[in-house]
Protein backbone atom coordinates (compact mmCIF):
# COMPACT_ATOMS: atom_id res chain seq x y z
CA MET A 1 13.03 6.84 2.02
CA ASP A 2 11.06 5.99 -1.11
CA PHE A 3 11.68 9.51 -2.36
CA ILE A 4 15.45 9.38 -1.83
CA PHE A 5 15.95 5.95 -3.42
CA LYS A 6 13.08 6.17 -5.95
CA ASP A 7 15.17 5.31 -9.04
CA ASN A 8 17.19 2.54 -7.42
CA PRO A 9 16.40 -1.01 -8.56
CA ASP A 10 17.47 -2.38 -5.15
CA ILE A 11 15.10 -0.23 -3.10
CA GLU A 12 13.54 -3.19 -1.25
CA VAL A 13 16.92 -4.38 0.04
CA ILE A 14 17.90 -0.86 1.06
CA LYS A 15 14.60 -0.19 2.82
CA SER A 16 14.73 -3.46 4.74
CA VAL A 17 18.19 -2.66 6.14
CA PHE A 18 17.17 0.83 7.25
CA ILE A 19 13.94 -0.45 8.79
CA ASN A 20 15.74 -3.23 10.67
CA ALA A 21 18.41 -0.78 11.84
CA GLY A 22 15.73 1.61 13.08
CA THR A 23 17.41 4.74 11.77
CA ASN A 24 15.68 7.82 10.42
CA ASN A 25 18.69 10.14 10.34
CA ILE A 26 18.31 11.94 7.01
CA ARG A 27 21.99 12.92 6.87
CA VAL A 28 23.04 9.27 7.20
CA ILE A 29 20.45 8.15 4.65
CA ARG A 30 21.66 10.71 2.09
CA LYS A 31 25.31 9.83 2.60
CA THR A 32 24.41 6.17 2.25
CA LYS A 33 22.57 6.98 -0.98
CA TRP A 34 25.75 8.53 -2.35
CA LEU A 35 27.72 5.39 -1.40
CA ILE A 36 25.13 3.08 -2.99
CA ASP A 37 25.07 5.22 -6.14
CA GLU A 38 28.85 4.83 -6.41
CA LEU A 39 28.72 1.06 -5.88
CA ILE A 40 25.82 0.17 -8.21
CA PRO A 41 27.73 0.68 -11.50
CA LEU A 42 30.53 -1.55 -10.24
CA MET A 43 28.08 -4.36 -9.43
CA LYS A 44 25.93 -4.32 -12.58
CA ASP A 45 26.85 -7.86 -13.72
CA TRP A 46 26.85 -9.52 -10.30
CA GLN A 47 24.44 -12.20 -9.16
CA PRO A 48 21.48 -10.71 -7.26
CA SER A 49 22.26 -12.50 -3.99
CA LEU A 50 25.86 -11.26 -3.92
CA ARG A 51 24.78 -7.78 -4.95
CA ASN A 52 22.16 -7.66 -2.17
CA GLN A 53 24.66 -8.84 0.43
CA VAL A 54 27.22 -6.20 -0.59
CA ILE A 55 24.53 -3.52 -0.42
CA ARG A 56 23.39 -4.71 3.03
CA ASN A 57 26.92 -4.84 4.40
CA SER A 58 27.80 -1.44 2.95
CA ILE A 59 24.76 0.13 4.59
CA VAL A 60 25.51 -1.47 7.97
CA ILE A 61 29.14 -0.31 7.85
CA ASN A 62 28.04 3.17 6.85
CA LEU A 63 25.47 3.27 9.66
CA ALA A 64 28.06 2.15 12.20
CA LYS A 65 30.40 4.85 10.99
CA LEU A 66 27.97 7.78 10.73
CA ASP A 67 25.04 7.14 13.08
CA THR A 68 26.09 7.35 16.73
CA GLY A 69 22.78 5.88 17.90
CA PHE A 70 23.21 2.82 15.72
CA PHE A 71 26.82 2.41 16.83
CA SER A 72 25.90 2.42 20.52
CA VAL A 73 23.21 -0.22 19.93
CA LEU A 74 25.70 -2.26 17.90
CA LEU A 75 28.19 -2.14 20.79
CA LEU A 76 25.51 -3.18 23.26
CA VAL A 77 24.40 -6.13 21.13
CA SER A 78 27.98 -7.24 20.51
CA THR A 79 28.73 -7.28 24.25
CA LEU A 80 25.65 -9.44 24.82
CA TYR A 81 26.76 -12.01 22.26
CA TYR A 82 30.52 -11.79 22.87
CA PRO A 83 31.10 -11.05 26.59
């Protein structure tokens, strides 16, 4: 993951989301990189906390959309918290 996001200033935020999500699907990681690369120029003047939250949420949404393993875990967790 360090190699894919090596030039990104928000690499620590991105890595933490992928590590917590437990995904290693390279296709999903590359598509997420494209999404992050599109969002970064739009967020250049934002406060760091807001920027980090948008990046986290974008990655989670992208994972839920593209990674079937993550989506099934997300459904399981949501049924535990919201029966």
